[in-house]
Amino acid sequence: MTERAGGEKADHLIAAQDAVPRRRREGPLTLSDCFRSFVKRPSPPLLVSAIVAALLLRLLQGQWSWRDAVMALGLLAVTPFVEWAIHVYLLHCPPLRVLGLRIELPSAREHRLHHADPSLLEELLLPVYGVLIFLPAIAFVNWALSFPIHLLLGGPRLAYATTGMLTAYVILCSYEWVHYLIHTPYRPRSRWYRAIWRNHRLHHYKNERYWFGVTSTIGDRAIGTAPDQREVPRSATAKALHSDR
C-alpha cells in the first residue's frame, strides 16, 4: 500500500513538473497578478461588456420566474459536455482535404499553435474576431431554442431567453478566465482547481487525446476520456497536433 501511494505521488509530481516548462517561469504568480494580467487582454473587456448589456436587458424585461432558474441551471448542466464537444470536434479538428487542397479551420489552427507553446499567454484567449462571432451566435442559439423550450415551460419566452444568453456569456467569460489561469505559473489551492489544473496539464503535456475538460472534469469522466494517467502513453504529438497525419 505504501509503495503504491508513493508511486501515485511520484506520478503526480512528474505530471506537475511536465506541466510547467522550466525555460519559461516568468509571468503572474499570485491570483491578483493573474487577474490584472487577464483583464488587460483585448477580449475580457468585450465579454464583460456583453454580460453587463445582457443583464441590463434582462432587468428591463422583468417578469422573473422559476423559468429563469431552469434556464440557468440547464445551461450549467450541459456546459461540461458542450465544452468537451467544442474541444474535440472544433479545436482538435484535423485539416481537411478538399479538391487536393489542405484546409484548416481557423479555430483548429490557433489551437494547434496553442499546443505548440502552452505557456505563451499572449495568444491564449479568444481573439477579438472570435468574441465578435461567439456573442451574436450565442444570442441567436438561445433565441432559437426559446421556441421549443416555450412549448414546455410557457411563460415570457424572450425574458428567459435573455436569461439563457446572460448565463451563456458568464459561462464563456468564466471559461476564458479559468483557461488563462491554468496556463499561468499560479499553483492550485482548492480541490476543484487542482483537479482541472491537473486534467488540462495532462492534456497538453501527456496526451492530447484525453482530458478535454477545462472548467470541469465531468465531461471527461462521463464520456471516458479521463483514464488513469499511468496507463496512458506519452504522446509524441501533444505539442504538434496532427503532425502524424
Foldseek 3Di string as FASTA:
>chain_A
DVVVVVVVVVVLVVLVCLLDDPVDQDADADPVRLVVVLVVADPLVVLVVLLVVLVVVLVVVDQDDVLLVVLLVVCVVCVQVVLLCCLVCPQQPAFDADPNDTHDDPNVVLSLQCLLPVLDLNSQADDPVRSVVVLVVQLVVLLVVLVVVCVVVPDDSVSSSSSNSSSVSVVNSVLRSQSSVLSHNYDDDDPQNNVLSSLVSCCRRFPVQASSGRNHCVNRVVVVRDDDSVPGGGDPCSNPRPPVD
